[in-house]
Amino acid sequence: MTEAGQSLTDPSRLMRKGGTRYPTRFISQQIIHVDPVFNKSNPVIHTKRVLRFGTWNVLALVSSSTQLHQLSQNIDQYRLDLLGITETHMPGSGTTLLDDGSLLIHSCRLDGIKRQGVGLGLSKRIRNSLISFTPTSERVLTARLHSKHLNISVVVAYASTDGGDESEKDKIYRTLADTFDELPRHDLKLLLGDFNAKVSSERYGSEAVIGGESLHSSSNDNVNQIDHICIGKRFRQSLLGVKVCRGADIGSDHYLVLGLLKIRLQSVAKVNAKRNDVPAIERLRDGTKVIEYNIALYNRFASLDSEVDLEASASEHVTVTTVPESTGNSVVVRIVLIHSVFSPVQLSDVEVM
């Protein structure tokens, strides 16, 4: 019996053909363990509650083993909402419901070879917020989550080792770049996974890219950055911290890397304060509005005769702001005259083309 997103084709047939076919994007209505109606009435709010997420290389995660039970226990113990998983070694692609109610999404090989494989674990609290997921390949998986203020796009990736084939590495990173290009522009983007990258221990000039929070092991003069948590530059201030959980056990030589995220959004008052008032000049294209505007402008300047000597101020730099009141059919126009003062007669002769 196949699960959501799993191919109905016999893996051995695909292996004989010498190719691997990956399924397309799956939406929440196609996943039996996700209730999008419940999420619509009870959306997750990540601006008030911290999102606990992480990444973990589990080395092997076979669906018939006790490792799935261990995975659900660790998700529950560390109160994880989101967990990127690499090297699952599970056949096919699809979803699995764990013992604690968490949802496991996996994208693996379809040719019968149990290698590579990536997955994404969603806790019972946020699993209904899943909008869609795309099992791109056995090394890249994409999922999109809904929240009240903005959506979250999560990419789980597993790169080959530094000593691997160059063409294979180029293919992985091209796929990863194309995946990010297809993500919605305004989403919060998270990249989780094992990149098997070797970088120098010198971080000078690259502190914004190479952080000291990743799990690493020293090897001569190099540092092997193993498991990574990456967040888009726009929301980097929302990342509260990253730590290694050495107590998590699933039979792997990798440690669980845990991150804390609380989305910080700019207040509406500050956004509105930056908006500049735009004069409604297009209203003056109507001939009747021009006449009404001239009358309102004449009346406005007539009240200034006792306060301002227009003839004496004609050569001075004066700024006058005119705002006719918007009641009934009166004109709603804001005009700013800078560096000059005109008489009402001159203003009445102005034509708007």
Protein backbone atom coordinates (compact mmCIF):
# COMPACT_ATOMS: atom_id res chain seq x y z
CA MET A 1 0.00 0.00 0.00
CA THR A 2 1.50 3.31 -1.08
CA GLU A 3 1.45 6.52 0.93
CA ALA A 4 0.79 10.06 -0.19
CA GLY A 5 3.20 11.07 -2.94
CA GLN A 6 4.74 7.61 -3.36
CA SER A 7 5.11 6.31 -6.87
CA LEU A 8 2.96 3.35 -7.92
CA THR A 9 5.67 2.18 -10.28
CA ASP A 10 7.74 -0.82 -9.23
CA PRO A 11 11.19 0.52 -8.19
CA SER A 12 12.90 -2.43 -9.83
CA ARG A 13 11.45 -1.40 -13.21
CA LEU A 14 12.83 2.09 -12.78
CA MET A 15 16.23 0.65 -11.88
CA ARG A 16 16.23 -1.50 -15.02
CA LYS A 17 15.47 1.62 -17.08
CA GLY A 18 18.50 3.30 -15.56
CA GLY A 19 16.62 6.41 -14.41
CA THR A 20 14.84 7.89 -11.43
CA ARG A 21 11.53 9.70 -11.79
CA TYR A 22 10.50 12.16 -9.11
CA PRO A 23 6.91 13.11 -8.33
CA THR A 24 5.60 16.63 -8.65
CA ARG A 25 4.30 19.10 -6.09
CA PHE A 26 1.69 17.82 -3.63
CA ILE A 27 -0.80 20.14 -1.95
CA SER A 28 -2.35 19.72 1.50
CA GLN A 29 -5.66 18.41 0.10
CA GLN A 30 -3.78 15.38 -1.25
CA ILE A 31 -2.25 14.47 2.12
CA ILE A 32 -4.53 12.39 4.33
CA HIS A 33 -2.74 13.41 7.55
CA VAL A 34 -3.21 17.17 7.02
CA ASP A 35 -6.42 19.11 7.72
CA PRO A 36 -6.23 22.48 5.86
CA VAL A 37 -9.74 23.45 7.05
CA PHE A 38 -8.62 23.27 10.69
CA ASN A 39 -5.55 25.34 9.90
CA LYS A 40 -7.66 28.04 8.25
CA SER A 41 -9.72 28.52 11.41
CA ASN A 42 -6.72 28.12 13.77
CA PRO A 43 -3.62 29.49 12.00
CA VAL A 44 -0.23 29.20 13.65
CA ILE A 45 1.12 32.53 14.95
CA HIS A 46 4.93 32.50 14.99
CA THR A 47 5.18 36.16 16.08
CA LYS A 48 3.98 35.29 19.60
CA ARG A 49 5.43 31.82 20.08
CA VAL A 50 8.97 30.65 19.41
CA LEU A 51 9.37 28.17 16.55
CA ARG A 52 11.73 25.37 17.56
CA PHE A 53 13.37 23.81 14.52
CA GLY A 54 16.49 21.87 13.73
CA THR A 55 18.45 19.62 11.40
CA TRP A 56 19.79 16.11 11.95
CA ASN A 57 21.69 13.54 9.92
CA VAL A 58 20.20 10.24 11.10
CA LEU A 59 22.35 8.01 8.82
CA ALA A 60 19.46 5.57 8.28
CA LEU A 61 15.73 5.75 8.86
CA VAL A 62 13.95 2.62 7.60
CA SER A 63 10.16 2.67 8.00
CA SER A 64 10.03 -0.81 9.54
CA SER A 65 12.68 -0.14 12.22
CA THR A 66 12.45 1.30 15.70
CA GLN A 67 14.26 4.43 14.54
CA LEU A 68 10.95 6.02 13.58
CA HIS A 69 9.83 5.56 17.17
CA GLN A 70 13.11 7.08 18.38
CA LEU A 71 12.62 9.99 16.01
CA SER A 72 9.15 10.72 17.36
CA GLN A 73 10.48 10.52 20.93
CA ASN A 74 13.21 13.06 20.19
CA ILE A 75 10.76 15.40 18.48
CA ASP A 76 8.58 15.24 21.57
CA GLN A 77 11.45 15.48 24.07
CA TYR A 78 13.03 18.57 22.50
CA ARG A 79 9.62 20.08 21.65
CA LEU A 80 10.59 20.42 17.98
CA ASP A 81 8.11 21.99 15.60
CA LEU A 82 10.20 21.46 12.50
CA LEU A 83 13.06 19.05 11.83
CA GLY A 84 15.11 18.70 8.67
CA ILE A 85 16.42 15.13 8.26
CA THR A 86 19.16 13.86 5.96
CA GLU A 87 20.28 10.36 4.96
CA THR A 88 16.90 8.77 5.62
CA HIS A 89 17.53 5.80 3.25
CA MET A 90 13.75 5.31 3.01
CA PRO A 91 12.32 4.00 -0.28
CA GLY A 92 10.20 6.28 -2.43
CA SER A 93 8.66 9.60 -1.50
CA GLY A 94 5.62 10.34 0.61
CA THR A 95 4.36 10.96 4.14
CA THR A 96 4.30 8.90 7.33
CA LEU A 97 2.43 9.59 10.57
CA LEU A 98 4.64 8.99 13.63
CA ASP A 99 3.64 7.68 17.06
CA ASP A 100 3.44 11.12 18.70
CA GLY A 101 1.23 12.53 15.93
CA SER A 102 4.11 14.16 14.05
CA LEU A 103 4.19 14.01 10.25
CA LEU A 104 7.27 12.81 8.39
CA ILE A 105 7.71 13.86 4.76
CA HIS A 106 10.45 12.08 2.87
CA SER A 107 12.01 12.30 -0.58
CA CYS A 108 14.29 9.43 -1.54
CA ARG A 109 15.45 7.34 -4.45
CA LEU A 110 12.91 5.47 -6.54
CA ASP A 111 15.33 3.03 -8.17
CA GLY A 112 15.45 0.58 -5.26
CA ILE A 113 18.81 1.77 -3.90
CA LYS A 114 18.59 2.76 -0.23
CA ARG A 115 21.02 5.66 -0.18
CA GLN A 116 20.84 9.43 0.39
CA GLY A 117 17.31 10.63 1.06
CA VAL A 118 16.00 13.74 2.84
CA GLY A 119 12.98 14.31 5.03
CA LEU A 120 11.08 16.88 7.03
CA GLY A 121 9.38 16.26 10.36
CA LEU A 122 6.39 18.41 11.38
CA SER A 123 5.07 18.32 14.92
CA LYS A 124 1.44 17.66 15.70
CA ARG A 125 1.01 21.38 16.46
CA ILE A 126 1.98 22.67 13.02
CA ARG A 127 1.44 19.71 10.67
CA ASN A 128 -1.94 21.11 9.55
CA SER A 129 -0.20 24.30 8.42
CA LEU A 130 1.47 22.40 5.56
CA ILE A 131 0.45 24.04 2.27
CA SER A 132 2.43 21.81 -0.08
CA PHE A 133 5.67 19.87 -0.46
CA THR A 134 7.84 19.03 -3.45
CA PRO A 135 10.15 15.98 -3.40
CA THR A 136 12.62 17.40 -5.91
CA SER A 137 15.18 14.61 -5.63
CA GLU A 138 16.82 12.28 -3.14
CA ARG A 139 18.92 15.25 -2.02
CA VAL A 140 16.48 18.18 -2.05
CA LEU A 141 13.03 18.52 -0.50
CA THR A 142 10.88 21.66 -0.34
CA ALA A 143 7.86 22.37 1.83
CA ARG A 144 5.72 25.46 2.37
CA LEU A 145 4.00 26.22 5.67
CA HIS A 146 1.20 28.65 6.42
CA SER A 147 1.13 31.08 9.33
CA LYS A 148 -1.03 34.06 10.21
CA HIS A 149 1.30 36.84 9.09
CA LEU A 150 3.54 35.23 6.47
CA ASN A 151 4.34 31.82 5.05
CA ILE A 152 7.52 29.83 5.61
CA SER A 153 9.39 28.00 2.85
CA VAL A 154 11.67 25.22 4.09
CA VAL A 155 14.34 23.54 1.97
CA VAL A 156 16.11 20.40 3.20
CA ALA A 157 19.29 19.50 1.33
CA TYR A 158 21.95 16.82 1.53
CA ALA A 159 25.14 17.52 -0.43
CA SER A 160 27.77 15.03 -1.47
CA THR A 161 31.16 14.89 0.21
CA ASP A 162 34.00 17.16 -0.81
CA GLY A 163 35.76 14.25 -2.45
CA GLY A 164 32.73 13.33 -4.54
CA ASP A 165 32.33 13.64 -8.30
CA GLU A 166 32.50 17.28 -9.45
CA SER A 167 29.66 16.93 -11.94
CA GLU A 168 27.45 15.43 -9.22
CA LYS A 169 28.23 18.31 -6.86
CA ASP A 170 27.52 20.89 -9.57
CA LYS A 171 24.21 19.20 -10.29
CA ILE A 172 23.19 19.32 -6.62
CA TYR A 173 23.95 23.00 -6.22
CA ARG A 174 22.28 23.88 -9.53
CA THR A 175 19.18 22.07 -8.32
CA LEU A 176 19.37 23.92 -5.02
CA ALA A 177 19.74 27.28 -6.76
CA ASP A 178 16.80 26.56 -9.08
CA THR A 179 14.72 25.51 -6.06
CA PHE A 180 15.36 28.82 -4.30
CA ASP A 181 14.53 30.77 -7.45
CA GLU A 182 11.08 29.14 -7.49
CA LEU A 183 10.27 29.98 -3.85
CA PRO A 184 7.75 32.77 -3.23
CA ARG A 185 9.58 36.04 -2.87
CA HIS A 186 7.96 37.25 0.36
CA ASP A 187 8.20 33.98 2.31
CA LEU A 188 10.55 33.44 5.22
CA LYS A 189 13.14 31.01 3.84
CA LEU A 190 14.88 28.31 5.88
CA LEU A 191 17.62 26.05 4.56
CA LEU A 192 18.40 22.96 6.63
CA GLY A 193 20.68 20.02 5.97
CA ASP A 194 24.07 18.40 5.77
CA PHE A 195 26.33 20.06 3.20
CA ASN A 196 29.56 18.14 3.90
CA ALA A 197 31.43 21.39 3.29
CA LYS A 198 35.04 22.07 4.21
CA VAL A 199 35.91 25.66 5.07
CA SER A 200 38.92 27.33 6.60
CA SER A 201 38.85 28.09 10.30
CA GLU A 202 39.43 31.76 9.42
CA ARG A 203 36.05 33.57 9.30
CA TYR A 204 37.33 37.13 8.83
CA GLY A 205 35.16 38.96 6.31
CA SER A 206 32.61 36.12 6.12
CA GLU A 207 31.02 36.34 9.54
CA ALA A 208 27.61 37.05 7.99
CA VAL A 209 27.79 33.78 6.01
CA ILE A 210 29.93 31.37 8.05
CA GLY A 211 28.67 31.25 11.61
CA GLY A 212 30.25 29.74 14.67
CA GLU A 213 27.02 27.98 15.63
CA SER A 214 27.23 25.05 13.21
CA LEU A 215 28.33 21.61 14.39
CA HIS A 216 31.91 21.03 13.30
CA SER A 217 34.91 18.81 13.89
CA SER A 218 38.53 19.89 13.53
CA SER A 219 40.76 18.19 10.98
CA ASN A 220 44.31 19.55 10.64
CA ASP A 221 44.02 23.18 9.44
CA ASN A 222 40.46 22.83 8.13
CA VAL A 223 37.09 22.74 9.83
CA ASN A 224 34.40 20.40 8.52
CA GLN A 225 31.10 22.22 8.72
CA ILE A 226 28.65 19.32 8.86
CA ASP A 227 25.09 20.35 9.74
CA HIS A 228 23.80 23.80 8.86
CA ILE A 229 20.89 26.09 9.63
CA CYS A 230 20.50 28.99 7.21
CA ILE A 231 17.93 31.77 7.22
CA GLY A 232 17.20 34.56 4.75
CA LYS A 233 19.01 37.84 5.38
CA ARG A 234 15.75 39.73 5.75
CA PHE A 235 14.74 37.71 8.82
CA ARG A 236 18.16 37.02 10.33
CA GLN A 237 17.23 39.09 13.40
CA SER A 238 14.35 36.68 14.03
CA LEU A 239 16.81 33.85 14.74
CA LEU A 240 17.19 33.86 18.52
CA GLY A 241 19.91 31.23 18.82
CA VAL A 242 21.36 27.89 17.72
CA LYS A 243 22.72 25.08 19.88
CA VAL A 244 23.78 21.43 19.69
CA CYS A 245 21.70 18.82 21.53
CA ARG A 246 24.17 16.10 22.43
CA GLY A 247 21.60 14.09 24.38
CA ALA A 248 19.49 13.25 21.32
CA ASP A 249 20.09 9.63 20.33
CA ILE A 250 19.05 7.80 17.19
CA GLY A 251 22.16 5.74 16.49
CA SER A 252 23.93 8.43 14.49
CA ASP A 253 27.36 10.00 14.88
CA HIS A 254 25.81 13.41 14.13
CA TYR A 255 24.32 15.65 16.78
CA LEU A 256 20.94 17.33 16.57
CA VAL A 257 21.31 21.06 15.82
CA LEU A 258 18.47 23.11 17.31
CA GLY A 259 17.45 26.65 16.36
CA LEU A 260 14.98 29.07 17.90
CA LEU A 261 12.99 31.44 15.71
CA LYS A 262 10.51 34.17 16.55
CA ILE A 263 9.28 36.20 13.60
CA ARG A 264 9.70 39.94 14.07
CA LEU A 265 7.53 42.13 11.89
CA GLN A 266 7.52 45.90 11.56
CA SER A 267 4.53 47.57 13.19
CA VAL A 268 1.80 49.03 10.99
CA ALA A 269 2.24 52.47 12.58
CA LYS A 270 5.89 52.63 11.48
CA VAL A 271 5.03 51.47 7.97
CA ASN A 272 2.31 54.12 7.59
CA ALA A 273 4.64 56.79 8.97
CA LYS A 274 7.01 56.24 6.04
CA ARG A 275 4.32 56.73 3.42
CA ASN A 276 4.37 60.07 1.61
CA ASP A 277 1.13 61.82 0.71
CA VAL A 278 0.71 61.85 -3.06
CA PRO A 279 -1.24 64.81 -4.52
CA ALA A 280 -4.32 63.76 -6.47
CA ILE A 281 -3.36 65.78 -9.53
CA GLU A 282 -5.35 63.49 -11.83
CA ARG A 283 -8.57 64.91 -10.31
CA LEU A 284 -7.79 68.22 -12.04
CA ARG A 285 -8.21 66.67 -15.46
CA ASP A 286 -11.92 67.21 -15.02
CA GLY A 287 -12.82 70.76 -16.12
CA THR A 288 -15.49 71.22 -13.46
CA LYS A 289 -13.03 70.18 -10.76
CA VAL A 290 -10.55 72.82 -12.01
CA ILE A 291 -13.16 75.54 -11.54
CA GLU A 292 -14.07 74.25 -8.08
CA TYR A 293 -10.42 74.07 -7.17
CA ASN A 294 -9.73 77.64 -8.31
CA ILE A 295 -12.66 78.90 -6.24
CA ALA A 296 -11.49 76.99 -3.17
CA LEU A 297 -7.94 78.24 -3.70
CA TYR A 298 -9.14 81.85 -4.11
CA ASN A 299 -11.15 81.67 -0.90
CA ARG A 300 -8.22 80.19 0.95
CA PHE A 301 -5.82 82.95 -0.08
CA ALA A 302 -8.43 85.66 0.47
CA SER A 303 -8.33 84.91 4.18
CA LEU A 304 -4.56 85.56 4.20
CA ASP A 305 -4.77 89.16 2.88
CA SER A 306 -4.67 90.60 6.37
CA GLU A 307 -1.70 88.48 7.43
CA VAL A 308 0.54 88.28 4.39
CA ASP A 309 1.55 91.04 2.03
CA LEU A 310 1.53 89.15 -1.24
CA GLU A 311 3.20 91.91 -3.25
CA ALA A 312 5.98 92.31 -0.68
CA SER A 313 6.54 88.57 -0.47
CA ALA A 314 6.58 87.91 -4.22
CA SER A 315 10.35 87.97 -4.36
CA GLU A 316 10.84 85.90 -1.19
CA HIS A 317 11.00 82.12 -0.84
CA VAL A 318 7.71 81.13 0.75
CA THR A 319 6.09 77.68 0.97
CA VAL A 320 2.30 77.51 1.06
CA THR A 321 0.33 74.30 1.56
CA THR A 322 -3.25 74.27 0.32
CA VAL A 323 -5.65 71.56 1.44
CA PRO A 324 -9.32 72.17 0.43
CA GLU A 325 -11.73 70.37 2.70
CA SER A 326 -13.25 67.19 1.28
CA THR A 327 -16.97 67.46 1.98
CA GLY A 328 -19.71 66.58 -0.45
CA ASN A 329 -18.59 67.25 -4.01
CA SER A 330 -15.71 69.55 -3.04
CA VAL A 331 -12.30 68.89 -4.47
CA VAL A 332 -9.98 66.53 -2.60
CA VAL A 333 -6.59 67.93 -3.66
CA ARG A 334 -3.39 68.76 -1.82
CA ILE A 335 -1.10 71.23 -3.61
CA VAL A 336 2.24 72.51 -2.32
CA LEU A 337 3.64 75.73 -3.82
CA ILE A 338 7.37 76.10 -3.19
CA HIS A 339 9.67 79.12 -3.55
CA SER A 340 6.97 81.51 -4.80
CA VAL A 341 3.73 83.21 -3.92
CA PHE A 342 1.12 83.90 -6.61
CA SER A 343 -1.89 86.13 -6.50
CA PRO A 344 -5.38 84.55 -6.66
CA VAL A 345 -5.94 86.07 -10.12
CA GLN A 346 -2.80 84.41 -11.49
CA LEU A 347 -3.73 81.06 -9.97
CA SER A 348 -7.18 81.14 -11.49
CA ASP A 349 -5.65 81.33 -14.96
CA VAL A 350 -3.68 78.08 -14.51
CA GLU A 351 -4.85 75.28 -16.79
CA VAL A 352 -4.25 71.59 -16.11
CA MET A 353 -3.57 69.53 -19.26
